[in-house]
Amino acid sequence: QVQLVESGGGLVQAGGSLRLSCAASGRTFSHYAMGWFRQAAGKEREFVAAMSQSGESTDFAASVKGRFTISRESAKDTVYLHMNSLRPEDTAVYYCAARFSVYYSTRYYRTQEYDYWGQGTQVTVSS
């Protein structure tokens, strides 16, 4: 079992930055591929970013590419989502997710592909 706890959300003005953290516990973190998703009010949960088990392969939704990055600090069992040039349309609850993977470079994009989820952290971007 893996437990995920997100933090770092908040209220920021358009053009600002935030760094979300996802702290994992319970299993060997290095064997897990990670993802970030978000869900705006009244909308479906959508993919934001993915990182392979090795941490060497990442990908992003078109809407955030060039503005968001994802990184991993294995010593702290923590994954980060660095969000820059934030826009009002980035307002949502952000969730991190994890799944066990034996494939070093495979990324996962669908909610159904992840086994563990955090509780979410609210990000609000004002115009």
Foldseek 3Di string as FASTA:
>chain_A
DKAWAKDWADEEAAQAKIKIKIFIDDDQLLQKKKFKWWDAPPGDIFGAKIAFSQRPEMDGDPVQPPFWDKGADNVRNMIMIIGGRDDQVVWTWMKMFIDGDPDRHDIDTDPVRTDYMYPTDTHGYHD
